[in-house]
Structures are given as C-alpha cells and as structure tokens.
C-alpha cells in the first residue's frame, strides 16, 4: 500500500568551550527540519530540509531512495549543500534497546 508521512523537527544548539577540530563546529544554531516520505511496496522516497532560522534560509536538503530486499535496506542519498552522495545499508528488524 502507498503511504505518505510528514515530519517537523527543531534543534537549538548550544556549545561552550573551543575545539581545534573543524568538524566539531556547529553549522546551524537554530534549525528546523521539515521532512516528507512516500512509501510504496518496499520502496521509500524521502526529502529532508535543513532550514537555518537565524538566517531565514534553506541550508541543506537530502533526497533519498531506499528499497527493502529481504532483511537488507540499501539507501542512496544526495546532499545538496556538499553535492555528496552516500550509500547506507540497514539490517531490517535489527534494533538495540
């Protein structure tokens, strides 16, 4: 069956101290993340936005497609800000509580 879902998450980042590492720097202090997901059969299409509320602009977007094959779900994602493509493989049903 076809299924649409939406989501909205908010993040307020607060840091103290310093770090010599660039990857530790907070990119967005006040962030809003709208999301849309469409699932049909074993295929999922999704979009996540990253909105910088301090600058009132879209910071990044993630477009993904995933497909369940038995117990594995590969996901191919494209991040617009860095023009980066990632491939993740999830084991369906494997969770840690």
N, C-alpha and C. Protein backbone atom coordinates (compact mmCIF):
# COMPACT_ATOMS: atom_id res chain seq x y z
N UNK A 1 0.83 -1.19 0.00
CA UNK A 1 0.00 0.00 0.00
C UNK A 1 0.88 1.26 0.00
N UNK A 2 0.33 2.30 -0.58
CA UNK A 2 1.03 3.59 -0.60
C UNK A 2 0.84 4.31 0.72
N UNK A 3 1.89 5.01 1.15
CA UNK A 3 1.83 5.71 2.43
C UNK A 3 2.65 6.99 2.37
N UNK A 4 2.03 8.11 2.72
CA UNK A 4 2.70 9.40 2.83
C UNK A 4 2.89 9.73 4.30
N UNK A 5 4.01 10.33 4.66
CA UNK A 5 4.18 10.83 6.02
C UNK A 5 4.97 12.13 5.97
N UNK A 6 4.76 12.95 6.98
CA UNK A 6 5.48 14.21 7.09
C UNK A 6 6.04 14.32 8.50
N UNK A 7 7.01 15.16 8.66
CA UNK A 7 7.60 15.37 9.98
C UNK A 7 8.17 16.77 10.08
N UNK A 8 8.36 17.22 11.29
CA UNK A 8 8.97 18.52 11.53
C UNK A 8 9.72 18.43 12.86
N UNK A 9 11.04 18.69 12.78
CA UNK A 9 11.88 18.65 13.99
C UNK A 9 12.57 20.01 14.13
N UNK A 10 12.82 20.39 15.38
CA UNK A 10 13.51 21.65 15.66
C UNK A 10 14.72 21.35 16.54
N UNK A 11 15.81 22.08 16.30
CA UNK A 11 17.05 21.90 17.06
C UNK A 11 17.56 23.26 17.49
N UNK A 12 17.93 23.37 18.75
CA UNK A 12 18.58 24.55 19.29
C UNK A 12 19.94 24.09 19.82
N UNK A 13 21.01 24.50 19.15
CA UNK A 13 22.35 24.06 19.52
C UNK A 13 23.02 25.09 20.42
N UNK A 14 23.55 24.62 21.54
CA UNK A 14 24.30 25.49 22.44
C UNK A 14 25.62 24.79 22.76
N UNK A 15 26.70 25.51 22.61
CA UNK A 15 28.01 24.93 22.90
C UNK A 15 28.77 25.84 23.86
N UNK A 16 29.77 25.26 24.48
CA UNK A 16 30.67 26.04 25.33
C UNK A 16 32.08 25.48 25.15
N UNK A 17 33.06 26.30 25.35
CA UNK A 17 34.44 25.87 25.15
C UNK A 17 34.85 25.99 23.69
N UNK A 18 36.05 25.51 23.36
CA UNK A 18 36.53 25.54 21.98
C UNK A 18 37.09 24.19 21.60
N UNK A 19 37.21 24.04 20.30
CA UNK A 19 37.78 22.81 19.76
C UNK A 19 38.70 23.17 18.60
N UNK A 20 39.80 22.46 18.42
CA UNK A 20 40.67 22.72 17.27
C UNK A 20 40.15 22.02 16.01
N UNK A 21 39.10 21.22 16.13
CA UNK A 21 38.63 20.42 15.01
C UNK A 21 37.45 21.09 14.30
N UNK A 22 37.57 21.26 13.00
CA UNK A 22 36.55 21.95 12.23
C UNK A 22 35.21 21.19 12.24
N UNK A 23 35.26 19.85 12.24
CA UNK A 23 34.02 19.07 12.19
C UNK A 23 33.22 19.15 13.49
N UNK A 24 33.81 19.70 14.55
CA UNK A 24 33.09 19.90 15.81
C UNK A 24 32.29 21.20 15.83
N UNK A 25 32.50 22.06 14.84
CA UNK A 25 31.81 23.35 14.82
C UNK A 25 30.33 23.16 14.47
N UNK A 26 29.47 23.90 15.12
CA UNK A 26 28.03 23.86 14.85
C UNK A 26 27.76 24.69 13.60
N UNK A 27 27.12 24.08 12.60
CA UNK A 27 26.85 24.79 11.35
C UNK A 27 25.60 25.67 11.46
N UNK A 28 24.60 25.18 12.17
CA UNK A 28 23.35 25.92 12.32
C UNK A 28 22.99 25.95 13.81
N UNK A 29 22.84 27.12 14.37
CA UNK A 29 22.49 27.22 15.80
C UNK A 29 21.01 26.92 16.05
N UNK A 30 20.13 27.48 15.22
CA UNK A 30 18.70 27.26 15.36
C UNK A 30 18.20 26.67 14.05
N UNK A 31 17.79 25.41 14.09
CA UNK A 31 17.49 24.66 12.87
C UNK A 31 16.09 24.07 12.91
N UNK A 32 15.43 24.10 11.76
CA UNK A 32 14.13 23.47 11.57
C UNK A 32 14.28 22.46 10.45
N UNK A 33 13.77 21.24 10.66
CA UNK A 33 13.89 20.18 9.66
C UNK A 33 12.52 19.64 9.25
N UNK A 34 11.95 20.16 8.15
CA UNK A 34 10.74 19.54 7.62
C UNK A 34 11.13 18.28 6.85
N UNK A 35 10.22 17.31 6.79
CA UNK A 35 10.51 16.06 6.09
C UNK A 35 9.24 15.50 5.44
N UNK A 36 9.39 14.88 4.28
CA UNK A 36 8.31 14.20 3.58
C UNK A 36 8.80 12.82 3.17
N UNK A 37 7.95 11.82 3.33
CA UNK A 37 8.31 10.45 2.96
C UNK A 37 7.13 9.81 2.23
N UNK A 38 7.44 9.11 1.14
CA UNK A 38 6.44 8.36 0.39
C UNK A 38 6.93 6.92 0.28
N UNK A 39 6.08 5.98 0.70
CA UNK A 39 6.43 4.56 0.65
C UNK A 39 5.40 3.82 -0.19
N UNK A 40 5.89 3.03 -1.13
CA UNK A 40 5.02 2.20 -1.97
C UNK A 40 5.71 0.85 -2.12
N UNK A 41 5.04 -0.22 -1.68
CA UNK A 41 5.67 -1.52 -1.70
C UNK A 41 6.88 -1.51 -0.79
N UNK A 42 8.01 -1.91 -1.29
CA UNK A 42 9.23 -1.91 -0.49
C UNK A 42 10.12 -0.72 -0.76
N UNK A 43 9.64 0.27 -1.54
CA UNK A 43 10.45 1.43 -1.91
C UNK A 43 10.01 2.66 -1.13
N UNK A 44 10.99 3.42 -0.65
CA UNK A 44 10.72 4.65 0.09
C UNK A 44 11.47 5.80 -0.56
N UNK A 45 10.77 6.88 -0.85
CA UNK A 45 11.36 8.13 -1.33
C UNK A 45 11.22 9.15 -0.21
N UNK A 46 12.28 9.90 0.07
CA UNK A 46 12.18 10.87 1.15
C UNK A 46 12.95 12.15 0.83
N UNK A 47 12.51 13.21 1.50
CA UNK A 47 13.16 14.52 1.42
C UNK A 47 13.23 15.09 2.82
N UNK A 48 14.39 15.63 3.18
CA UNK A 48 14.57 16.34 4.45
C UNK A 48 15.20 17.68 4.14
N UNK A 49 14.63 18.74 4.67
CA UNK A 49 15.20 20.08 4.53
C UNK A 49 15.88 20.48 5.83
N UNK A 50 16.90 21.30 5.73
CA UNK A 50 17.55 21.87 6.90
C UNK A 50 17.47 23.39 6.75
N UNK A 51 16.64 24.01 7.57
CA UNK A 51 16.41 25.45 7.48
C UNK A 51 17.15 26.14 8.62
N UNK A 52 17.97 27.11 8.26
CA UNK A 52 18.68 27.94 9.24
C UNK A 52 17.75 29.08 9.62
N UNK A 53 17.16 29.00 10.82
CA UNK A 53 16.19 30.01 11.24
C UNK A 53 16.85 31.36 11.55
N UNK A 54 18.12 31.36 11.97
CA UNK A 54 18.80 32.62 12.25
C UNK A 54 19.00 33.44 10.97
N UNK A 55 19.25 32.77 9.86
CA UNK A 55 19.46 33.45 8.57
C UNK A 55 18.22 33.42 7.68
N UNK A 56 17.18 32.71 8.11
CA UNK A 56 15.93 32.57 7.35
C UNK A 56 16.18 32.05 5.94
N UNK A 57 16.97 30.96 5.85
CA UNK A 57 17.26 30.39 4.53
C UNK A 57 17.42 28.88 4.61
N UNK A 58 17.21 28.25 3.47
CA UNK A 58 17.40 26.81 3.37
C UNK A 58 18.90 26.52 3.36
N UNK A 59 19.36 25.70 4.29
CA UNK A 59 20.78 25.42 4.45
C UNK A 59 21.21 24.19 3.66
N UNK A 60 20.39 23.14 3.68
CA UNK A 60 20.73 21.89 3.01
C UNK A 60 19.45 21.11 2.73
N UNK A 61 19.53 20.17 1.79
CA UNK A 61 18.43 19.27 1.50
C UNK A 61 19.00 17.87 1.29
N UNK A 62 18.23 16.86 1.68
CA UNK A 62 18.65 15.47 1.49
C UNK A 62 17.53 14.75 0.76
N UNK A 63 17.85 14.22 -0.41
CA UNK A 63 16.92 13.41 -1.20
C UNK A 63 17.38 11.96 -1.10
N UNK A 64 16.46 11.04 -0.78
CA UNK A 64 16.84 9.64 -0.60
C UNK A 64 15.86 8.70 -1.27
N UNK A 65 16.40 7.56 -1.68
CA UNK A 65 15.58 6.45 -2.16
C UNK A 65 16.10 5.18 -1.49
N UNK A 66 15.17 4.38 -0.97
CA UNK A 66 15.55 3.15 -0.27
C UNK A 66 14.64 2.03 -0.75
N UNK A 67 15.14 0.81 -0.68
CA UNK A 67 14.37 -0.36 -1.11
C UNK A 67 14.70 -1.52 -0.18
N UNK A 68 13.67 -2.19 0.32
CA UNK A 68 13.86 -3.35 1.19
C UNK A 68 14.00 -4.60 0.34
N UNK A 69 15.09 -5.34 0.54
CA UNK A 69 15.34 -6.63 -0.08
C UNK A 69 15.52 -7.64 1.04
N UNK A 70 14.51 -8.47 1.27
CA UNK A 70 14.53 -9.44 2.37
C UNK A 70 14.84 -8.73 3.68
N UNK A 71 16.07 -8.88 4.21
CA UNK A 71 16.39 -8.27 5.50
C UNK A 71 17.33 -7.06 5.37
N UNK A 72 17.65 -6.65 4.14
CA UNK A 72 18.53 -5.50 3.94
C UNK A 72 17.80 -4.35 3.26
N UNK A 73 18.13 -3.14 3.67
CA UNK A 73 17.55 -1.95 3.05
C UNK A 73 18.67 -0.98 2.66
N UNK A 74 19.12 -1.03 1.40
CA UNK A 74 20.08 -0.02 0.96
C UNK A 74 19.38 1.32 0.73
N UNK A 75 20.06 2.41 1.08
CA UNK A 75 19.52 3.76 0.91
C UNK A 75 20.56 4.61 0.21
N UNK A 76 20.18 5.21 -0.90
CA UNK A 76 21.03 6.11 -1.65
C UNK A 76 20.53 7.53 -1.40
N UNK A 77 21.42 8.41 -0.92
CA UNK A 77 21.02 9.78 -0.56
C UNK A 77 21.92 10.79 -1.25
N UNK A 78 21.32 11.95 -1.57
CA UNK A 78 22.07 13.06 -2.16
C UNK A 78 21.89 14.29 -1.27
N UNK A 79 23.02 14.88 -0.83
CA UNK A 79 23.03 16.08 0.00
C UNK A 79 23.39 17.27 -0.90
N UNK A 80 22.48 18.23 -1.03
CA UNK A 80 22.68 19.32 -1.99
C UNK A 80 23.80 20.27 -1.59
N UNK A 81 23.96 20.55 -0.31
CA UNK A 81 24.95 21.55 0.13
C UNK A 81 26.38 21.15 -0.27
N UNK A 82 26.73 19.92 -0.02
CA UNK A 82 28.09 19.46 -0.32
C UNK A 82 28.18 18.69 -1.64
N UNK A 83 27.02 18.56 -2.32
CA UNK A 83 26.96 17.77 -3.56
C UNK A 83 27.53 16.38 -3.30
N UNK A 84 27.02 15.75 -2.23
CA UNK A 84 27.56 14.48 -1.75
C UNK A 84 26.53 13.37 -1.90
N UNK A 85 26.98 12.21 -2.35
CA UNK A 85 26.13 11.03 -2.47
C UNK A 85 26.61 10.01 -1.44
N UNK A 86 25.66 9.44 -0.69
CA UNK A 86 26.00 8.42 0.30
C UNK A 86 25.19 7.16 0.04
N UNK A 87 25.73 6.03 0.46
CA UNK A 87 25.04 4.75 0.40
C UNK A 87 25.08 4.13 1.79
N UNK A 88 23.90 3.87 2.35
CA UNK A 88 23.80 3.22 3.65
C UNK A 88 23.11 1.88 3.43
N UNK A 89 23.44 0.90 4.26
CA UNK A 89 22.75 -0.39 4.23
C UNK A 89 22.29 -0.69 5.65
N UNK A 90 20.99 -0.83 5.80
CA UNK A 90 20.39 -1.09 7.11
C UNK A 90 19.92 -2.53 7.16
N UNK A 91 20.09 -3.18 8.31
CA UNK A 91 19.57 -4.53 8.53
C UNK A 91 18.17 -4.36 9.13
N UNK A 92 17.15 -4.73 8.36
CA UNK A 92 15.75 -4.54 8.77
C UNK A 92 15.45 -5.42 9.98
N UNK A 93 14.86 -4.83 10.99
CA UNK A 93 14.48 -5.57 12.18
C UNK A 93 15.55 -5.67 13.25
N UNK A 94 16.76 -5.20 12.94
CA UNK A 94 17.83 -5.23 13.93
C UNK A 94 17.82 -3.91 14.69
N UNK A 95 17.51 -3.99 15.95
CA UNK A 95 17.47 -2.78 16.76
C UNK A 95 18.07 -3.05 18.12
N UNK A 96 18.55 -2.00 18.74
CA UNK A 96 19.16 -2.12 20.07
C UNK A 96 18.37 -1.23 21.02
N UNK A 97 17.92 -1.83 22.11
CA UNK A 97 17.15 -1.07 23.11
C UNK A 97 18.01 -0.67 24.27
